[in-house]
Amino acid sequence: MKKLKVMTIFGTRPEAIKMAPIILKMNQNLDQFIPVTVISAQHREMLDQVLEVLKLHLIMI
């Protein structure tokens, strides 16, 4: 089966909290998904706190 590439985009803490369950679930099913996350970093300091608490590890490119 072909993997589905899914892009999620967020930039604020509330958006990160809402998207976290979806991102985490896709990361648990990498045989089905290629998750791509884009962060606009409108509020970078607050966003980093949420990413750390939710254990969302993102690679910056």
PDB file of N, CA and C in Angstrom:
ATOM      1  N   MET A   1       0.839  -1.177   0.000  1.00  0.00           N
ATOM      2  CA  MET A   1       0.000   0.000   0.000  1.00  0.00           C
ATOM      3  C   MET A   1       0.891   1.251   0.000  1.00  0.00           C
ATOM      4  N   LYS A   2       0.506   2.241  -0.748  1.00  0.00           N
ATOM      5  CA  LYS A   2       1.252   3.488  -0.835  1.00  0.00           C
ATOM      6  C   LYS A   2       1.017   4.329   0.422  1.00  0.00           C
ATOM      7  N   LYS A   3       2.096   4.947   0.926  1.00  0.00           N
ATOM      8  CA  LYS A   3       1.980   5.803   2.104  1.00  0.00           C
ATOM      9  C   LYS A   3       1.340   7.133   1.724  1.00  0.00           C
ATOM     10  N   LEU A   4       0.543   7.649   2.634  1.00  0.00           N
ATOM     11  CA  LEU A   4      -0.117   8.936   2.450  1.00  0.00           C
ATOM     12  C   LEU A   4       0.745  10.028   3.076  1.00  0.00           C
ATOM     13  N   LYS A   5       1.138  11.022   2.282  1.00  0.00           N
ATOM     14  CA  LYS A   5       1.916  12.150   2.797  1.00  0.00           C
ATOM     15  C   LYS A   5       0.936  13.203   3.303  1.00  0.00           C
ATOM     16  N   VAL A   6       1.071  13.553   4.592  1.00  0.00           N
ATOM     17  CA  VAL A   6       0.154  14.496   5.227  1.00  0.00           C
ATOM     18  C   VAL A   6       0.956  15.652   5.812  1.00  0.00           C
ATOM     19  N   MET A   7       0.583  16.875   5.437  1.00  0.00           N
ATOM     20  CA  MET A   7       1.259  18.057   5.966  1.00  0.00           C
ATOM     21  C   MET A   7       0.353  18.736   6.989  1.00  0.00           C
ATOM     22  N   THR A   8       0.912  18.997   8.169  1.00  0.00           N
ATOM     23  CA  THR A   8       0.206  19.775   9.183  1.00  0.00           C
ATOM     24  C   THR A   8       0.958  21.087   9.361  1.00  0.00           C
ATOM     25  N   ILE A   9       0.206  22.163   9.545  1.00  0.00           N
ATOM     26  CA  ILE A   9       0.793  23.496   9.659  1.00  0.00           C
ATOM     27  C   ILE A   9       0.219  24.181  10.895  1.00  0.00           C
ATOM     28  N   PHE A  10       1.105  24.733  11.728  1.00  0.00           N
ATOM     29  CA  PHE A  10       0.647  25.522  12.865  1.00  0.00           C
ATOM     30  C   PHE A  10       1.707  26.536  13.246  1.00  0.00           C
ATOM     31  N   GLY A  11       1.315  27.517  14.063  1.00  0.00           N
ATOM     32  CA  GLY A  11       2.247  28.569  14.443  1.00  0.00           C
ATOM     33  C   GLY A  11       2.050  29.088  15.851  1.00  0.00           C
ATOM     34  N   THR A  12       0.944  28.684  16.490  1.00  0.00           N
ATOM     35  CA  THR A  12       0.671  29.163  17.844  1.00  0.00           C
ATOM     36  C   THR A  12       0.497  27.979  18.792  1.00  0.00           C
ATOM     37  N   ARG A  13       0.572  28.256  20.076  1.00  0.00           N
ATOM     38  CA  ARG A  13       0.425  27.209  21.082  1.00  0.00           C
ATOM     39  C   ARG A  13      -0.931  26.507  20.997  1.00  0.00           C
ATOM     40  N   PRO A  14      -2.054  27.236  20.903  1.00  0.00           N
ATOM     41  CA  PRO A  14      -3.340  26.541  20.797  1.00  0.00           C
ATOM     42  C   PRO A  14      -3.430  25.637  19.563  1.00  0.00           C
ATOM     43  N   GLU A  15      -2.851  26.080  18.465  1.00  0.00           N
ATOM     44  CA  GLU A  15      -2.867  25.249  17.254  1.00  0.00           C
ATOM     45  C   GLU A  15      -2.031  23.988  17.455  1.00  0.00           C
ATOM     46  N   ALA A  16      -0.881  24.119  18.110  1.00  0.00           N
ATOM     47  CA  ALA A  16      -0.021  22.962  18.369  1.00  0.00           C
ATOM     48  C   ALA A  16      -0.730  21.947  19.254  1.00  0.00           C
ATOM     49  N   ILE A  17      -1.438  22.427  20.262  1.00  0.00           N
ATOM     50  CA  ILE A  17      -2.172  21.535  21.166  1.00  0.00           C
ATOM     51  C   ILE A  17      -3.254  20.779  20.402  1.00  0.00           C
ATOM     52  N   LYS A  18      -3.933  21.455  19.500  1.00  0.00           N
ATOM     53  CA  LYS A  18      -4.990  20.809  18.710  1.00  0.00           C
ATOM     54  C   LYS A  18      -4.427  19.793  17.724  1.00  0.00           C
ATOM     55  N   MET A  19      -3.270  20.078  17.142  1.00  0.00           N
ATOM     56  CA  MET A  19      -2.699  19.206  16.121  1.00  0.00           C
ATOM     57  C   MET A  19      -1.887  18.049  16.699  1.00  0.00           C
ATOM     58  N   ALA A  20      -1.449  18.158  17.951  1.00  0.00           N
ATOM     59  CA  ALA A  20      -0.569  17.159  18.553  1.00  0.00           C
ATOM     60  C   ALA A  20      -1.099  15.730  18.472  1.00  0.00           C
ATOM     61  N   PRO A  21      -2.357  15.457  18.811  1.00  0.00           N
ATOM     62  CA  PRO A  21      -2.825  14.069  18.736  1.00  0.00           C
ATOM     63  C   PRO A  21      -2.747  13.490  17.323  1.00  0.00           C
ATOM     64  N   ILE A  22      -2.995  14.310  16.341  1.00  0.00           N
ATOM     65  CA  ILE A  22      -2.941  13.850  14.952  1.00  0.00           C
ATOM     66  C   ILE A  22      -1.499  13.535  14.560  1.00  0.00           C
ATOM     67  N   ILE A  23      -0.588  14.440  14.902  1.00  0.00           N
ATOM     68  CA  ILE A  23       0.826  14.238  14.568  1.00  0.00           C
ATOM     69  C   ILE A  23       1.374  13.003  15.277  1.00  0.00           C
ATOM     70  N   LEU A  24       1.065  12.857  16.563  1.00  0.00           N
ATOM     71  CA  LEU A  24       1.546  11.706  17.323  1.00  0.00           C
ATOM     72  C   LEU A  24       1.007  10.399  16.758  1.00  0.00           C
ATOM     73  N   LYS A  25      -0.247  10.377  16.368  1.00  0.00           N
ATOM     74  CA  LYS A  25      -0.848   9.161  15.807  1.00  0.00           C
ATOM     75  C   LYS A  25      -0.205   8.799  14.473  1.00  0.00           C
ATOM     76  N   MET A  26       0.055   9.813  13.640  1.00  0.00           N
ATOM     77  CA  MET A  26       0.731   9.529  12.368  1.00  0.00           C
ATOM     78  C   MET A  26       2.141   9.003  12.610  1.00  0.00           C
ATOM     79  N   ASN A  27       2.841   9.550  13.614  1.00  0.00           N
ATOM     80  CA  ASN A  27       4.189   9.078  13.930  1.00  0.00           C
ATOM     81  C   ASN A  27       4.182   7.640  14.434  1.00  0.00           C
ATOM     82  N   GLN A  28       3.077   7.187  14.989  1.00  0.00           N
ATOM     83  CA  GLN A  28       2.949   5.803  15.442  1.00  0.00           C
ATOM     84  C   GLN A  28       2.633   4.857  14.289  1.00  0.00           C
ATOM     85  N   ASN A  29       2.239   5.414  13.158  1.00  0.00           N
ATOM     86  CA  ASN A  29       1.843   4.602  12.002  1.00  0.00           C
ATOM     87  C   ASN A  29       2.639   5.003  10.761  1.00  0.00           C
ATOM     88  N   LEU A  30       3.962   4.979  10.889  1.00  0.00           N
ATOM     89  CA  LEU A  30       4.814   5.403   9.781  1.00  0.00           C
ATOM     90  C   LEU A  30       4.765   4.440   8.598  1.00  0.00           C
ATOM     91  N   ASP A  31       4.203   3.263   8.801  1.00  0.00           N
ATOM     92  CA  ASP A  31       4.023   2.348   7.677  1.00  0.00           C
ATOM     93  C   ASP A  31       2.885   2.813   6.766  1.00  0.00           C
ATOM     94  N   GLN A  32       2.034   3.720   7.261  1.00  0.00           N
ATOM     95  CA  GLN A  32       0.900   4.223   6.488  1.00  0.00           C
ATOM     96  C   GLN A  32       1.037   5.693   6.102  1.00  0.00           C
ATOM     97  N   PHE A  33       1.804   6.465   6.882  1.00  0.00           N
ATOM     98  CA  PHE A  33       1.871   7.914   6.683  1.00  0.00           C
ATOM     99  C   PHE A  33       3.310   8.411   6.548  1.00  0.00           C
ATOM    100  N   ILE A  34       3.457   9.499   5.814  1.00  0.00           N
ATOM    101  CA  ILE A  34       4.683  10.291   5.795  1.00  0.00           C
ATOM    102  C   ILE A  34       4.277  11.661   6.342  1.00  0.00           C
ATOM    103  N   PRO A  35       4.437  11.862   7.654  1.00  0.00           N
ATOM    104  CA  PRO A  35       4.014  13.138   8.239  1.00  0.00           C
ATOM    105  C   PRO A  35       5.028  14.249   7.978  1.00  0.00           C
ATOM    106  N   VAL A  36       4.522  15.399   7.576  1.00  0.00           N
ATOM    107  CA  VAL A  36       5.344  16.589   7.360  1.00  0.00           C
ATOM    108  C   VAL A  36       4.703  17.704   8.184  1.00  0.00           C
ATOM    109  N   THR A  37       5.478  18.311   9.074  1.00  0.00           N
ATOM    110  CA  THR A  37       4.951  19.367   9.932  1.00  0.00           C
ATOM    111  C   THR A  37       5.660  20.677   9.627  1.00  0.00           C
ATOM    112  N   VAL A  38       4.872  21.719   9.401  1.00  0.00           N
ATOM    113  CA  VAL A  38       5.403  23.050   9.122  1.00  0.00           C
ATOM    114  C   VAL A  38       4.998  23.965  10.272  1.00  0.00           C
ATOM    115  N   ILE A  39       5.983  24.694  10.819  1.00  0.00           N
ATOM    116  CA  ILE A  39       5.719  25.621  11.915  1.00  0.00           C
ATOM    117  C   ILE A  39       6.039  27.028  11.440  1.00  0.00           C
ATOM    118  N   SER A  40       5.063  27.923  11.557  1.00  0.00           N
ATOM    119  CA  SER A  40       5.309  29.309  11.149  1.00  0.00           C
ATOM    120  C   SER A  40       6.007  30.109  12.247  1.00  0.00           C
ATOM    121  N   ALA A  41       6.003  29.577  13.460  1.00  0.00           N
ATOM    122  CA  ALA A  41       6.723  30.152  14.609  1.00  0.00           C
ATOM    123  C   ALA A  41       6.324  31.595  14.902  1.00  0.00           C
ATOM    124  N   GLN A  42       5.034  31.853  14.924  1.00  0.00           N
ATOM    125  CA  GLN A  42       4.550  33.181  15.278  1.00  0.00           C
ATOM    126  C   GLN A  42       4.916  33.527  16.720  1.00  0.00           C
ATOM    127  N   HIS A  43       4.830  32.530  17.589  1.00  0.00           N
ATOM    128  CA  HIS A  43       5.154  32.705  19.009  1.00  0.00           C
ATOM    129  C   HIS A  43       6.123  31.590  19.394  1.00  0.00           C
ATOM    130  N   ARG A  44       7.334  31.673  18.939  1.00  0.00           N
ATOM    131  CA  ARG A  44       8.302  30.581  19.040  1.00  0.00           C
ATOM    132  C   ARG A  44       8.565  30.124  20.476  1.00  0.00           C
ATOM    133  N   GLU A  45       8.726  31.032  21.421  1.00  0.00           N
ATOM    134  CA  GLU A  45       9.056  30.650  22.794  1.00  0.00           C
ATOM    135  C   GLU A  45       7.937  29.818  23.415  1.00  0.00           C
ATOM    136  N   MET A  46       6.706  30.275  23.281  1.00  0.00           N
ATOM    137  CA  MET A  46       5.567  29.536  23.837  1.00  0.00           C
ATOM    138  C   MET A  46       5.376  28.220  23.097  1.00  0.00           C
ATOM    139  N   LEU A  47       5.617  28.228  21.817  1.00  0.00           N
ATOM    140  CA  LEU A  47       5.458  27.026  21.011  1.00  0.00           C
ATOM    141  C   LEU A  47       6.475  25.961  21.414  1.00  0.00           C
ATOM    142  N   ASP A  48       7.713  26.357  21.673  1.00  0.00           N
ATOM    143  CA  ASP A  48       8.742  25.405  22.096  1.00  0.00           C
ATOM    144  C   ASP A  48       8.360  24.710  23.395  1.00  0.00           C
ATOM    145  N   GLN A  49       7.741  25.436  24.320  1.00  0.00           N
ATOM    146  CA  GLN A  49       7.307  24.841  25.587  1.00  0.00           C
ATOM    147  C   GLN A  49       6.292  23.732  25.340  1.00  0.00           C
ATOM    148  N   VAL A  50       5.333  23.993  24.482  1.00  0.00           N
ATOM    149  CA  VAL A  50       4.290  23.002  24.194  1.00  0.00           C
ATOM    150  C   VAL A  50       4.884  21.796  23.477  1.00  0.00           C
ATOM    151  N   LEU A  51       5.756  22.031  22.517  1.00  0.00           N
ATOM    152  CA  LEU A  51       6.372  20.927  21.785  1.00  0.00           C
ATOM    153  C   LEU A  51       7.148  20.021  22.726  1.00  0.00           C
ATOM    154  N   GLU A  52       7.813  20.608  23.715  1.00  0.00           N
ATOM    155  CA  GLU A  52       8.571  19.820  24.683  1.00  0.00           C
ATOM    156  C   GLU A  52       7.644  18.989  25.570  1.00  0.00           C
ATOM    157  N   VAL A  53       6.590  19.593  26.069  1.00  0.00           N
ATOM    158  CA  VAL A  53       5.646  18.886  26.942  1.00  0.00           C
ATOM    159  C   VAL A  53       4.957  17.743  26.196  1.00  0.00           C
ATOM    160  N   LEU A  54       4.575  17.993  24.947  1.00  0.00           N
ATOM    161  CA  LEU A  54       3.875  16.981  24.154  1.00  0.00           C
ATOM    162  C   LEU A  54       4.826  15.972  23.524  1.00  0.00           C
ATOM    163  N   LYS A  55       6.119  16.181  23.720  1.00  0.00           N
ATOM    164  CA  LYS A  55       7.149  15.304  23.170  1.00  0.00           C
ATOM    165  C   LYS A  55       7.073  15.212  21.648  1.00  0.00           C
ATOM    166  N   LEU A  56       6.825  16.366  21.030  1.00  0.00           N
ATOM    167  CA  LEU A  56       6.857  16.446  19.575  1.00  0.00           C
ATOM    168  C   LEU A  56       8.262  16.876  19.179  1.00  0.00           C
ATOM    169  N   HIS A  57       8.995  15.970  18.599  1.00  0.00           N
ATOM    170  CA  HIS A  57      10.366  16.252  18.189  1.00  0.00           C
ATOM    171  C   HIS A  57      10.359  16.521  16.693  1.00  0.00           C
ATOM    172  N   LEU A  58      10.670  17.743  16.336  1.00  0.00           N
ATOM    173  CA  LEU A  58      10.627  18.149  14.942  1.00  0.00           C
ATOM    174  C   LEU A  58      12.023  18.508  14.465  1.00  0.00           C
ATOM    175  N   ILE A  59      12.279  18.221  13.222  1.00  0.00           N
ATOM    176  CA  ILE A  59      13.560  18.550  12.609  1.00  0.00           C
ATOM    177  C   ILE A  59      13.406  19.865  11.873  1.00  0.00           C
ATOM    178  N   MET A  60      14.268  20.809  12.163  1.00  0.00           N
ATOM    179  CA  MET A  60      14.212  22.112  11.510  1.00  0.00           C
ATOM    180  C   MET A  60      14.995  22.060  10.202  1.00  0.00           C
ATOM    181  N   ILE A  61      14.357  22.504   9.123  1.00  0.00           N
ATOM    182  CA  ILE A  61      15.053  22.579   7.827  1.00  0.00           C
ATOM    183  C   ILE A  61      14.878  23.954   7.232  1.00  0.00           C
TER     184      ILE A  61
END
